[in-house]
Amino acid sequence: GDCFPCPQEGCPMMGHYADRFPAKLKRVNQKYFLNTAADPPFATWRQKVFIKLSGVKKMRGDINLIFHDTEGNTKEYEIASGVLSQDEVYTKYLDVEINPRNTKKIEFLWNKAIFTLLWARLGAETVNIIHGEDGHR
């Protein structure tokens, strides 16, 4: 997450487009990092997620986001777990396996801990997602 967003000259790319970053290619022992998905085609898209909760003041549980693409594929990612507070903004970097251009919807999912009061409710006041490649929300 320390490299998000990319520097002004762009994130150094490996392979075919590496020649677009000549200054990086001249370095000795230049490190490159590549995040991959578990399944073919192994591509992921770095996204930064901000979630502000609303509802009860504090409770235990976890919050996840489920990304849906236009072909019916879904991927679920945990954003936070433990004591959740409506006063806090939860931020997380995700390497999402669904291309932002093909994302149909993003679903907010809250699971309360078993011992939480049955009437307790928690929801998302805001969910903002910034895509790493182009800075769009």
Protein backbone atom coordinates (compact mmCIF):
# COMPACT_ATOMS: atom_id res chain seq x y z
CA GLY A 1 0.00 0.00 0.00
CA ASP A 2 2.96 2.40 0.30
CA CYS A 3 3.24 2.84 -3.47
CA PHE A 4 -0.38 3.95 -4.00
CA PRO A 5 -1.05 6.06 -5.94
CA CYS A 6 1.67 5.73 -8.54
CA PRO A 7 4.24 8.53 -8.81
CA GLN A 8 3.63 11.23 -11.42
CA GLU A 9 5.72 9.37 -14.01
CA GLY A 10 3.60 6.24 -13.45
CA CYS A 11 4.22 2.90 -11.79
CA PRO A 12 7.20 1.09 -13.35
CA MET A 13 5.99 -1.76 -15.53
CA MET A 14 7.74 -5.01 -16.23
CA GLY A 15 7.90 -6.87 -19.51
CA HIS A 16 6.79 -5.43 -22.82
CA TYR A 17 6.28 -1.83 -21.59
CA ALA A 18 9.37 -1.59 -19.38
CA ASP A 19 11.05 0.71 -21.92
CA ARG A 20 8.58 3.46 -20.92
CA PHE A 21 10.55 3.85 -17.66
CA PRO A 22 14.17 4.35 -18.82
CA ALA A 23 15.35 5.91 -15.53
CA LYS A 24 14.23 2.84 -13.60
CA LEU A 25 15.92 0.51 -16.09
CA LYS A 26 19.34 2.17 -15.47
CA ARG A 27 19.27 1.39 -11.75
CA VAL A 28 21.28 -1.53 -10.45
CA ASN A 29 19.27 -3.96 -8.32
CA GLN A 30 15.96 -2.22 -9.12
CA LYS A 31 13.14 -4.00 -7.30
CA TYR A 32 9.83 -4.68 -8.99
CA PHE A 33 6.78 -6.12 -7.31
CA LEU A 34 3.94 -7.89 -9.00
CA ASN A 35 0.68 -8.78 -7.31
CA THR A 36 -1.20 -11.61 -8.96
CA ALA A 37 -4.54 -13.29 -8.51
CA ALA A 38 -4.84 -16.97 -7.66
CA ASP A 39 -6.81 -17.82 -10.81
CA PRO A 40 -6.22 -17.22 -14.55
CA PRO A 41 -5.70 -14.67 -16.07
CA PHE A 42 -3.95 -13.72 -12.76
CA ALA A 43 -4.55 -9.98 -13.19
CA THR A 44 -5.45 -7.73 -10.26
CA TRP A 45 -6.29 -4.03 -10.01
CA ARG A 46 -5.06 -2.05 -6.99
CA GLN A 47 -7.90 -0.15 -5.34
CA LYS A 48 -8.07 1.94 -2.20
CA VAL A 49 -11.31 1.60 -0.24
CA PHE A 50 -12.74 4.07 2.30
CA ILE A 51 -15.84 3.07 4.30
CA LYS A 52 -17.64 5.21 6.88
CA LEU A 53 -20.17 3.30 8.94
CA SER A 54 -23.50 4.42 10.35
CA GLY A 55 -25.79 2.85 12.93
CA VAL A 56 -24.92 1.74 16.44
CA LYS A 57 -21.94 3.43 18.09
CA LYS A 58 -19.75 0.31 18.48
CA MET A 59 -20.13 -3.41 17.97
CA ARG A 60 -18.14 -6.52 17.07
CA GLY A 61 -18.26 -8.09 13.65
CA ASP A 62 -16.72 -7.71 10.22
CA ILE A 63 -17.36 -5.77 7.04
CA ASN A 64 -16.70 -7.07 3.54
CA LEU A 65 -17.16 -5.82 0.00
CA ILE A 66 -18.32 -8.12 -2.78
CA PHE A 67 -17.35 -7.06 -6.31
CA HIS A 68 -19.66 -8.23 -9.13
CA ASP A 69 -18.65 -8.09 -12.78
CA THR A 70 -20.77 -7.98 -15.91
CA GLU A 71 -20.28 -11.72 -16.53
CA GLY A 72 -21.66 -12.83 -13.16
CA ASN A 73 -18.33 -13.41 -11.40
CA THR A 74 -17.95 -12.28 -7.79
CA LYS A 75 -15.02 -11.77 -5.42
CA GLU A 76 -15.33 -10.97 -1.72
CA TYR A 77 -12.78 -8.99 0.30
CA GLU A 78 -12.62 -8.31 4.04
CA ILE A 79 -12.26 -4.64 4.92
CA ALA A 80 -12.33 -4.73 8.74
CA SER A 81 -12.93 -7.18 11.58
CA GLY A 82 -13.31 -6.88 15.35
CA VAL A 83 -14.76 -3.85 17.12
CA LEU A 84 -16.43 -1.63 14.54
CA SER A 85 -17.22 2.01 15.25
CA GLN A 86 -19.39 4.51 13.39
CA ASP A 87 -16.85 7.23 14.28
CA GLU A 88 -14.08 5.63 12.24
CA VAL A 89 -13.32 5.61 8.51
CA TYR A 90 -11.98 2.19 7.48
CA THR A 91 -9.31 2.32 4.79
CA LYS A 92 -7.81 -0.65 2.98
CA TYR A 93 -5.81 -1.36 -0.15
CA LEU A 94 -7.19 -4.23 -2.20
CA ASP A 95 -5.82 -6.10 -5.19
CA VAL A 96 -9.17 -6.83 -6.80
CA GLU A 97 -9.44 -9.64 -9.35
CA ILE A 98 -12.32 -7.95 -11.17
CA ASN A 99 -11.43 -5.28 -13.72
CA PRO A 100 -12.91 -1.91 -12.64
CA ARG A 101 -14.12 -1.38 -16.23
CA ASN A 102 -16.21 -4.57 -15.96
CA THR A 103 -17.52 -3.97 -12.43
CA LYS A 104 -21.32 -4.07 -12.39
CA LYS A 105 -21.86 -3.42 -8.68
CA ILE A 106 -20.11 -3.49 -5.31
CA GLU A 107 -22.07 -4.96 -2.42
CA PHE A 108 -21.54 -3.96 1.23
CA LEU A 109 -21.79 -6.91 3.64
CA TRP A 110 -21.85 -6.64 7.42
CA ASN A 111 -21.65 -9.73 9.64
CA LYS A 112 -22.23 -9.17 13.34
CA ALA A 113 -20.62 -11.36 15.97
CA ILE A 114 -22.87 -14.12 17.36
CA PHE A 115 -23.14 -12.52 20.80
CA THR A 116 -24.13 -9.09 19.42
CA LEU A 117 -27.65 -7.92 20.33
CA LEU A 118 -30.19 -9.08 17.76
CA TRP A 119 -31.65 -5.61 17.19
CA ALA A 120 -28.29 -3.95 16.47
CA ARG A 121 -27.96 -2.49 12.97
CA LEU A 122 -24.93 -1.25 11.10
CA GLY A 123 -24.61 0.07 7.56
CA ALA A 124 -22.35 1.99 5.23
CA GLU A 125 -22.79 5.75 5.28
CA THR A 126 -20.28 6.10 2.45
CA VAL A 127 -18.14 3.72 0.37
CA ASN A 128 -15.47 5.34 -1.82
CA ILE A 129 -13.16 3.34 -4.05
CA ILE A 130 -10.18 4.80 -5.88
CA HIS A 131 -8.66 2.80 -8.72
CA GLY A 132 -4.87 2.70 -8.68
CA GLU A 133 -4.22 2.87 -12.40
CA ASP A 134 -5.98 6.12 -13.11
CA GLY A 135 -7.15 7.67 -9.83
CA HIS A 136 -10.85 7.44 -10.77
CA ARG A 137 -13.56 6.70 -8.21
